[in-house]
Amino acid sequence: MSSDLPYAADAQVSLSYDELEVLRSQYQKELAQSHVTVQTKFNYAWGLVKSPVRDHQVEGVRLLQDIYRTELTRRRECLYYIALGYYKMGNYEDAKSFNDFLLEKEPGNLQAQSPLRSHRTGQGYVGMALAGGAVALGTLLLAGFIRRATRK
């Protein structure tokens, strides 16, 4: 399998203001001419997803979803980038859904296997630790109440 898509770490590296502005200008120019190429829209969407500004990320994911719906040949990469966009925004459930759908289509996709799976695993361990801590705290509180009641 070709590995020409960036990994999740690439989504964390924002474009400079000037780089994003170049992509925005090209997109706006084509939009004004009523003919936006798929590549221009895709580049702008990816630049928005990489942005630290949440509104940019939301707009980037929206543009990628539009490409996904209208361009059959770009669906694979759109799934991946949409998943990364949701992942970056902290919307892990939607990120997981898109990532899982991509893995259904391409079980050997190493990029789809790594970022979200490792995050979910880490979240699982954190969840188990929190649950274990809550049980321990509850047990201690219950023991304290019982001890206090038997003293009276």
N, C-alpha and C. Protein backbone atom coordinates (compact mmCIF):
# COMPACT_ATOMS: atom_id res chain seq x y z
N MET A 1 0.84 -1.19 0.00
CA MET A 1 0.00 0.00 0.00
C MET A 1 0.88 1.25 0.00
N SER A 2 0.52 2.20 -0.79
CA SER A 2 1.25 3.46 -0.85
C SER A 2 0.99 4.27 0.41
N SER A 3 2.02 4.91 0.91
CA SER A 3 1.87 5.70 2.12
C SER A 3 2.15 7.16 1.79
N ASP A 4 1.27 7.76 0.96
CA ASP A 4 1.49 9.13 0.55
C ASP A 4 0.69 10.13 1.36
N LEU A 5 -0.02 9.68 2.37
CA LEU A 5 -0.76 10.58 3.23
C LEU A 5 0.03 10.82 4.50
N PRO A 6 -0.07 12.02 5.06
CA PRO A 6 0.66 12.29 6.30
C PRO A 6 0.02 11.58 7.48
N TYR A 7 0.79 11.41 8.53
CA TYR A 7 0.28 10.81 9.75
C TYR A 7 -0.36 11.89 10.62
N ALA A 8 -0.99 11.49 11.69
CA ALA A 8 -1.74 12.42 12.55
C ALA A 8 -0.86 13.55 13.07
N ALA A 9 0.41 13.27 13.32
CA ALA A 9 1.30 14.31 13.84
C ALA A 9 1.35 15.50 12.89
N ASP A 10 1.21 15.25 11.58
CA ASP A 10 1.25 16.33 10.61
C ASP A 10 0.07 17.29 10.80
N ALA A 11 -1.05 16.79 11.28
CA ALA A 11 -2.22 17.64 11.50
C ALA A 11 -1.98 18.63 12.64
N GLN A 12 -1.05 18.31 13.51
CA GLN A 12 -0.77 19.18 14.65
C GLN A 12 0.15 20.35 14.29
N VAL A 13 0.80 20.26 13.14
CA VAL A 13 1.71 21.32 12.69
C VAL A 13 0.93 22.28 11.81
N SER A 14 0.66 23.47 12.32
CA SER A 14 -0.14 24.45 11.60
C SER A 14 0.65 25.10 10.48
N LEU A 15 -0.08 25.51 9.46
CA LEU A 15 0.53 26.33 8.42
C LEU A 15 0.73 27.74 8.98
N SER A 16 1.67 28.46 8.40
CA SER A 16 1.82 29.85 8.80
C SER A 16 0.61 30.63 8.29
N TYR A 17 0.42 31.81 8.82
CA TYR A 17 -0.69 32.66 8.37
C TYR A 17 -0.58 32.89 6.87
N ASP A 18 0.63 33.18 6.40
CA ASP A 18 0.83 33.45 4.97
C ASP A 18 0.54 32.23 4.11
N GLU A 19 0.94 31.05 4.58
CA GLU A 19 0.67 29.82 3.81
C GLU A 19 -0.83 29.57 3.71
N LEU A 20 -1.54 29.72 4.82
CA LEU A 20 -2.98 29.53 4.80
C LEU A 20 -3.65 30.59 3.94
N GLU A 21 -3.13 31.79 3.98
CA GLU A 21 -3.69 32.88 3.18
C GLU A 21 -3.55 32.60 1.68
N VAL A 22 -2.45 32.00 1.26
CA VAL A 22 -2.27 31.63 -0.14
C VAL A 22 -3.35 30.63 -0.56
N LEU A 23 -3.59 29.64 0.28
CA LEU A 23 -4.61 28.64 -0.02
C LEU A 23 -6.01 29.27 -0.04
N ARG A 24 -6.27 30.15 0.93
CA ARG A 24 -7.57 30.82 0.99
C ARG A 24 -7.78 31.70 -0.23
N SER A 25 -6.76 32.44 -0.61
CA SER A 25 -6.87 33.34 -1.78
C SER A 25 -7.17 32.55 -3.05
N GLN A 26 -6.48 31.44 -3.23
CA GLN A 26 -6.71 30.62 -4.41
C GLN A 26 -8.14 30.07 -4.41
N TYR A 27 -8.59 29.60 -3.25
CA TYR A 27 -9.95 29.07 -3.12
C TYR A 27 -10.97 30.16 -3.42
N GLN A 28 -10.81 31.35 -2.82
CA GLN A 28 -11.74 32.45 -3.03
C GLN A 28 -11.76 32.91 -4.49
N LYS A 29 -10.59 32.93 -5.11
CA LYS A 29 -10.48 33.33 -6.52
C LYS A 29 -11.29 32.37 -7.39
N GLU A 30 -11.10 31.08 -7.17
CA GLU A 30 -11.82 30.08 -7.96
C GLU A 30 -13.31 30.10 -7.65
N LEU A 31 -13.64 30.34 -6.40
CA LEU A 31 -15.04 30.43 -6.00
C LEU A 31 -15.72 31.60 -6.72
N ALA A 32 -15.03 32.72 -6.81
CA ALA A 32 -15.56 33.90 -7.50
C ALA A 32 -15.76 33.62 -8.99
N GLN A 33 -14.96 32.72 -9.54
CA GLN A 33 -15.07 32.36 -10.97
C GLN A 33 -16.06 31.21 -11.18
N SER A 34 -16.71 30.79 -10.11
CA SER A 34 -17.69 29.71 -10.13
C SER A 34 -17.13 28.38 -10.59
N HIS A 35 -15.84 28.18 -10.38
CA HIS A 35 -15.24 26.87 -10.70
C HIS A 35 -14.06 26.62 -9.76
N VAL A 36 -14.34 25.92 -8.66
CA VAL A 36 -13.30 25.56 -7.70
C VAL A 36 -12.83 24.15 -8.04
N THR A 37 -11.55 24.01 -8.30
CA THR A 37 -11.03 22.66 -8.57
C THR A 37 -11.02 21.85 -7.29
N VAL A 38 -11.12 20.56 -7.44
CA VAL A 38 -11.12 19.67 -6.29
C VAL A 38 -9.81 19.81 -5.52
N GLN A 39 -8.70 19.94 -6.24
CA GLN A 39 -7.41 20.04 -5.57
C GLN A 39 -7.29 21.32 -4.75
N THR A 40 -7.78 22.42 -5.29
CA THR A 40 -7.75 23.69 -4.55
C THR A 40 -8.59 23.59 -3.29
N LYS A 41 -9.79 23.03 -3.42
CA LYS A 41 -10.68 22.87 -2.28
C LYS A 41 -10.06 21.95 -1.24
N PHE A 42 -9.46 20.86 -1.71
CA PHE A 42 -8.83 19.91 -0.80
C PHE A 42 -7.66 20.55 -0.06
N ASN A 43 -6.80 21.26 -0.79
CA ASN A 43 -5.64 21.91 -0.16
C ASN A 43 -6.08 22.93 0.89
N TYR A 44 -7.08 23.71 0.56
CA TYR A 44 -7.58 24.69 1.51
C TYR A 44 -8.19 24.01 2.73
N ALA A 45 -8.97 22.96 2.50
CA ALA A 45 -9.58 22.22 3.61
C ALA A 45 -8.51 21.66 4.54
N TRP A 46 -7.47 21.06 3.97
CA TRP A 46 -6.41 20.49 4.80
C TRP A 46 -5.68 21.58 5.57
N GLY A 47 -5.45 22.72 4.93
CA GLY A 47 -4.83 23.84 5.63
C GLY A 47 -5.67 24.31 6.79
N LEU A 48 -7.00 24.33 6.61
CA LEU A 48 -7.90 24.73 7.69
C LEU A 48 -7.88 23.71 8.83
N VAL A 49 -7.87 22.43 8.50
CA VAL A 49 -7.83 21.40 9.53
C VAL A 49 -6.56 21.53 10.36
N LYS A 50 -5.47 21.90 9.74
CA LYS A 50 -4.20 22.04 10.45
C LYS A 50 -4.14 23.28 11.35
N SER A 51 -5.05 24.20 11.13
CA SER A 51 -5.07 25.45 11.89
C SER A 51 -5.36 25.20 13.36
N PRO A 52 -4.83 26.06 14.25
CA PRO A 52 -5.16 25.94 15.67
C PRO A 52 -6.52 26.55 16.01
N VAL A 53 -7.15 27.22 15.04
CA VAL A 53 -8.44 27.88 15.25
C VAL A 53 -9.57 26.89 14.99
N ARG A 54 -10.37 26.65 15.99
CA ARG A 54 -11.43 25.63 15.88
C ARG A 54 -12.39 25.91 14.73
N ASP A 55 -12.79 27.17 14.52
CA ASP A 55 -13.69 27.49 13.41
C ASP A 55 -13.07 27.10 12.07
N HIS A 56 -11.77 27.27 11.94
CA HIS A 56 -11.08 26.85 10.72
C HIS A 56 -11.18 25.33 10.57
N GLN A 57 -10.95 24.62 11.66
CA GLN A 57 -10.99 23.15 11.63
C GLN A 57 -12.38 22.66 11.22
N VAL A 58 -13.41 23.28 11.78
CA VAL A 58 -14.79 22.91 11.46
C VAL A 58 -15.05 23.13 9.97
N GLU A 59 -14.63 24.27 9.46
CA GLU A 59 -14.83 24.57 8.04
C GLU A 59 -14.02 23.60 7.17
N GLY A 60 -12.82 23.26 7.59
CA GLY A 60 -12.01 22.31 6.84
C GLY A 60 -12.67 20.95 6.76
N VAL A 61 -13.20 20.47 7.85
CA VAL A 61 -13.90 19.18 7.85
C VAL A 61 -15.14 19.26 6.97
N ARG A 62 -15.86 20.37 7.03
CA ARG A 62 -17.04 20.54 6.19
C ARG A 62 -16.68 20.46 4.70
N LEU A 63 -15.60 21.13 4.31
CA LEU A 63 -15.16 21.09 2.91
C LEU A 63 -14.73 19.68 2.50
N LEU A 64 -14.04 18.99 3.39
CA LEU A 64 -13.63 17.62 3.10
C LEU A 64 -14.84 16.70 2.95
N GLN A 65 -15.86 16.90 3.78
CA GLN A 65 -17.07 16.09 3.66
C GLN A 65 -17.78 16.37 2.34
N ASP A 66 -17.75 17.62 1.90
CA ASP A 66 -18.33 17.97 0.61
C ASP A 66 -17.59 17.26 -0.53
N ILE A 67 -16.27 17.26 -0.46
CA ILE A 67 -15.48 16.55 -1.47
C ILE A 67 -15.79 15.06 -1.42
N TYR A 68 -15.89 14.52 -0.22
CA TYR A 68 -16.19 13.10 -0.06
C TYR A 68 -17.51 12.73 -0.75
N ARG A 69 -18.51 13.58 -0.58
CA ARG A 69 -19.83 13.31 -1.18
C ARG A 69 -19.83 13.43 -2.70
N THR A 70 -19.02 14.32 -3.24
CA THR A 70 -19.11 14.62 -4.68
C THR A 70 -18.01 13.99 -5.53
N GLU A 71 -16.90 13.60 -4.95
CA GLU A 71 -15.76 13.10 -5.73
C GLU A 71 -15.40 11.68 -5.31
N LEU A 72 -15.92 10.72 -6.04
CA LEU A 72 -15.71 9.32 -5.68
C LEU A 72 -14.23 8.94 -5.63
N THR A 73 -13.43 9.52 -6.50
CA THR A 73 -12.01 9.15 -6.54
C THR A 73 -11.21 9.71 -5.38
N ARG A 74 -11.77 10.63 -4.64
CA ARG A 74 -11.05 11.23 -3.51
C ARG A 74 -11.55 10.75 -2.16
N ARG A 75 -12.44 9.78 -2.15
CA ARG A 75 -13.05 9.34 -0.91
C ARG A 75 -12.05 8.80 0.10
N ARG A 76 -11.11 8.00 -0.34
CA ARG A 76 -10.15 7.39 0.58
C ARG A 76 -9.40 8.46 1.38
N GLU A 77 -8.83 9.40 0.68
CA GLU A 77 -8.06 10.41 1.40
C GLU A 77 -8.96 11.32 2.21
N CYS A 78 -10.17 11.58 1.73
CA CYS A 78 -11.10 12.40 2.51
C CYS A 78 -11.46 11.73 3.82
N LEU A 79 -11.71 10.41 3.79
CA LEU A 79 -12.01 9.70 5.04
C LEU A 79 -10.90 9.91 6.05
N TYR A 80 -9.69 9.76 5.59
CA TYR A 80 -8.54 9.88 6.48
C TYR A 80 -8.43 11.30 7.06
N TYR A 81 -8.54 12.29 6.19
CA TYR A 81 -8.40 13.67 6.65
C TYR A 81 -9.58 14.13 7.50
N ILE A 82 -10.78 13.65 7.20
CA ILE A 82 -11.93 13.97 8.04
C ILE A 82 -11.72 13.38 9.43
N ALA A 83 -11.26 12.14 9.48
CA ALA A 83 -10.97 11.51 10.78
C ALA A 83 -9.94 12.31 11.55
N LEU A 84 -8.89 12.75 10.85
CA LEU A 84 -7.86 13.56 11.52
C LEU A 84 -8.42 14.90 11.99
N GLY A 85 -9.30 15.49 11.18
CA GLY A 85 -9.91 16.76 11.57
C GLY A 85 -10.72 16.62 12.85
N TYR A 86 -11.56 15.60 12.89
CA TYR A 86 -12.34 15.36 14.11
C TYR A 86 -11.43 15.03 15.29
N TYR A 87 -10.40 14.27 15.03
CA TYR A 87 -9.43 13.91 16.07
C TYR A 87 -8.79 15.17 16.65
N LYS A 88 -8.38 16.06 15.76
CA LYS A 88 -7.72 17.29 16.21
C LYS A 88 -8.68 18.18 17.01
N MET A 89 -9.96 18.16 16.64
CA MET A 89 -10.95 18.97 17.35
C MET A 89 -11.37 18.34 18.67
N GLY A 90 -10.91 17.12 18.91
CA GLY A 90 -11.27 16.43 20.14
C GLY A 90 -12.59 15.68 20.04
N ASN A 91 -13.13 15.57 18.84
CA ASN A 91 -14.38 14.84 18.63
C ASN A 91 -14.01 13.39 18.28
N TYR A 92 -13.64 12.64 19.32
CA TYR A 92 -13.05 11.31 19.12
C TYR A 92 -14.06 10.29 18.62
N GLU A 93 -15.33 10.44 18.95
CA GLU A 93 -16.32 9.47 18.46
C GLU A 93 -16.47 9.55 16.95
N ASP A 94 -16.61 10.78 16.41
CA ASP A 94 -16.71 10.92 14.96
C ASP A 94 -15.40 10.53 14.28
N ALA A 95 -14.29 10.89 14.91
CA ALA A 95 -12.98 10.50 14.36
C ALA A 95 -12.89 8.98 14.26
N LYS A 96 -13.33 8.31 15.31
CA LYS A 96 -13.31 6.84 15.33
C LYS A 96 -14.20 6.27 14.23
N SER A 97 -15.38 6.84 14.05
CA SER A 97 -16.30 6.34 13.02
C SER A 97 -15.69 6.44 11.63
N PHE A 98 -15.14 7.59 11.30
CA PHE A 98 -14.53 7.75 9.98
C PHE A 98 -13.30 6.87 9.83
N ASN A 99 -12.52 6.78 10.88
CA ASN A 99 -11.31 5.96 10.85
C ASN A 99 -11.68 4.48 10.68
N ASP A 100 -12.68 4.02 11.42
CA ASP A 100 -13.12 2.63 11.31
C ASP A 100 -13.65 2.33 9.92
N PHE A 101 -14.37 3.28 9.34
CA PHE A 101 -14.89 3.09 7.99
C PHE A 101 -13.74 2.96 6.99
N LEU A 102 -12.71 3.78 7.17
CA LEU A 102 -11.53 3.67 6.31
C LEU A 102 -10.86 2.32 6.49
N LEU A 103 -10.76 1.85 7.73
CA LEU A 103 -10.14 0.55 7.98
C LEU A 103 -10.97 -0.60 7.41
N GLU A 104 -12.29 -0.43 7.33
CA GLU A 104 -13.12 -1.44 6.66
C GLU A 104 -12.73 -1.55 5.19
N LYS A 105 -12.48 -0.40 4.58
CA LYS A 105 -12.12 -0.36 3.16
C LYS A 105 -10.68 -0.81 2.94
N GLU A 106 -9.80 -0.45 3.87
CA GLU A 106 -8.36 -0.74 3.75
C GLU A 106 -7.82 -1.23 5.09
N PRO A 107 -8.01 -2.50 5.41
CA PRO A 107 -7.56 -3.02 6.70
C PRO A 107 -6.06 -2.85 6.94
N GLY A 108 -5.28 -2.78 5.91
CA GLY A 108 -3.83 -2.64 6.07
C GLY A 108 -3.34 -1.20 6.10
N ASN A 109 -4.24 -0.24 6.17
CA ASN A 109 -3.85 1.17 6.16
C ASN A 109 -3.16 1.52 7.48
N LEU A 110 -1.85 1.64 7.43
CA LEU A 110 -1.06 1.89 8.64
C LEU A 110 -1.38 3.23 9.27
N GLN A 111 -1.68 4.22 8.44
CA GLN A 111 -1.99 5.54 8.98
C GLN A 111 -3.29 5.51 9.77
N ALA A 112 -4.29 4.83 9.25
CA ALA A 112 -5.57 4.75 9.95
C ALA A 112 -5.45 3.89 11.21
N GLN A 113 -4.48 2.99 11.24
CA GLN A 113 -4.31 2.13 12.40
C GLN A 113 -3.64 2.84 13.56
N SER A 114 -2.75 3.77 13.30
CA SER A 114 -1.93 4.30 14.38
C SER A 114 -2.53 5.42 15.23
N PRO A 115 -2.88 6.60 14.70
CA PRO A 115 -3.18 7.72 15.61
C PRO A 115 -4.41 7.53 16.47
N LEU A 116 -5.51 7.14 15.87
CA LEU A 116 -6.75 7.05 16.63
C LEU A 116 -6.78 5.82 17.51
N ARG A 117 -6.23 4.73 17.04
CA ARG A 117 -6.21 3.52 17.86
C ARG A 117 -5.39 3.75 19.12
N SER A 118 -4.24 4.39 18.99
CA SER A 118 -3.41 4.61 20.18
C SER A 118 -4.11 5.58 21.13
N HIS A 119 -4.84 6.54 20.59
CA HIS A 119 -5.56 7.48 21.46
C HIS A 119 -6.67 6.75 22.21
N ARG A 120 -7.41 5.91 21.49
CA ARG A 120 -8.50 5.19 22.14
C ARG A 120 -7.96 4.25 23.21
N THR A 121 -6.83 3.61 22.92
CA THR A 121 -6.24 2.71 23.91
C THR A 121 -5.85 3.51 25.15
N GLY A 122 -5.22 4.65 24.95
CA GLY A 122 -4.84 5.50 26.08
C GLY A 122 -6.05 5.97 26.86
N GLN A 123 -7.11 6.32 26.15
CA GLN A 123 -8.33 6.74 26.83
C GLN A 123 -8.93 5.60 27.63
N GLY A 124 -8.83 4.38 27.08
CA GLY A 124 -9.35 3.21 27.79
C GLY A 124 -8.63 3.00 29.10
N TYR A 125 -7.31 3.14 29.08
CA TYR A 125 -6.53 2.98 30.31
C TYR A 125 -6.87 4.07 31.31
N VAL A 126 -7.04 5.29 30.84
CA VAL A 126 -7.40 6.39 31.73
C VAL A 126 -8.78 6.13 32.32
N GLY A 127 -9.71 5.67 31.48
CA GLY A 127 -11.06 5.36 31.97
C GLY A 127 -11.04 4.27 33.02
N MET A 128 -10.26 3.23 32.78
CA MET A 128 -10.17 2.14 33.77
C MET A 128 -9.55 2.64 35.07
N ALA A 129 -8.53 3.49 34.96
CA ALA A 129 -7.89 4.03 36.16
C ALA A 129 -8.87 4.90 36.95
N LEU A 130 -9.64 5.72 36.24
CA LEU A 130 -10.63 6.57 36.93
C LEU A 130 -11.70 5.71 37.60
N ALA A 131 -12.17 4.69 36.92
CA ALA A 131 -13.19 3.81 37.51
C ALA A 131 -12.62 3.09 38.72
N GLY A 132 -11.40 2.60 38.61
CA GLY A 132 -10.76 1.93 39.74
C GLY A 132 -10.58 2.86 40.92
N GLY A 133 -10.19 4.09 40.64
CA GLY A 133 -10.04 5.09 41.71
C GLY A 133 -11.36 5.41 42.37
N ALA A 134 -12.43 5.50 41.57
CA ALA A 134 -13.75 5.79 42.14
C ALA A 134 -14.22 4.65 43.04
N VAL A 135 -13.97 3.42 42.61
CA VAL A 135 -14.35 2.26 43.43
C VAL A 135 -13.57 2.27 44.74
N ALA A 136 -12.27 2.54 44.66
CA ALA A 136 -11.43 2.57 45.87
C ALA A 136 -11.91 3.67 46.81
N LEU A 137 -12.20 4.84 46.28
CA LEU A 137 -12.67 5.95 47.10
C LEU A 137 -14.01 5.61 47.74
N GLY A 138 -14.90 5.01 46.96
CA GLY A 138 -16.20 4.60 47.49
C GLY A 138 -16.06 3.58 48.62
N THR A 139 -15.14 2.64 48.44
CA THR A 139 -14.89 1.63 49.46
C THR A 139 -14.38 2.28 50.75
N LEU A 140 -13.44 3.21 50.61
CA LEU A 140 -12.91 3.90 51.78
C LEU A 140 -14.00 4.70 52.50
N LEU A 141 -14.82 5.39 51.73
CA LEU A 141 -15.91 6.17 52.35
C LEU A 141 -16.90 5.25 53.06
N LEU A 142 -17.25 4.15 52.42
CA LEU A 142 -18.17 3.20 53.03
C LEU A 142 -17.57 2.61 54.31
N ALA A 143 -16.31 2.26 54.27
CA ALA A 143 -15.64 1.72 55.47
C ALA A 143 -15.64 2.76 56.59
N GLY A 144 -15.42 4.02 56.25
CA GLY A 144 -15.44 5.09 57.24
C GLY A 144 -16.80 5.24 57.88
N PHE A 145 -17.86 5.19 57.08
CA PHE A 145 -19.23 5.28 57.61
C PHE A 145 -19.55 4.10 58.51
N ILE A 146 -19.15 2.92 58.10
CA ILE A 146 -19.41 1.72 58.91
C ILE A 146 -18.67 1.82 60.22
N ARG A 147 -17.42 2.22 60.19
CA ARG A 147 -16.62 2.35 61.43
C ARG A 147 -17.25 3.38 62.35
N ARG A 148 -17.70 4.49 61.77
CA ARG A 148 -18.31 5.55 62.59
C ARG A 148 -19.63 5.06 63.19
N ALA A 149 -20.41 4.30 62.44
CA ALA A 149 -21.69 3.80 62.94
C ALA A 149 -21.49 2.76 64.05
N THR A 150 -20.44 1.96 63.97
CA THR A 150 -20.22 0.92 65.00
C THR A 150 -19.69 1.54 66.29
N ARG A 151 -19.13 2.70 66.27
CA ARG A 151 -18.60 3.37 67.46
C ARG A 151 -19.72 3.95 68.31
N LYS A 152 -20.85 4.21 67.75
CA LYS A 152 -21.94 4.88 68.48
C LYS A 152 -22.68 3.95 69.36
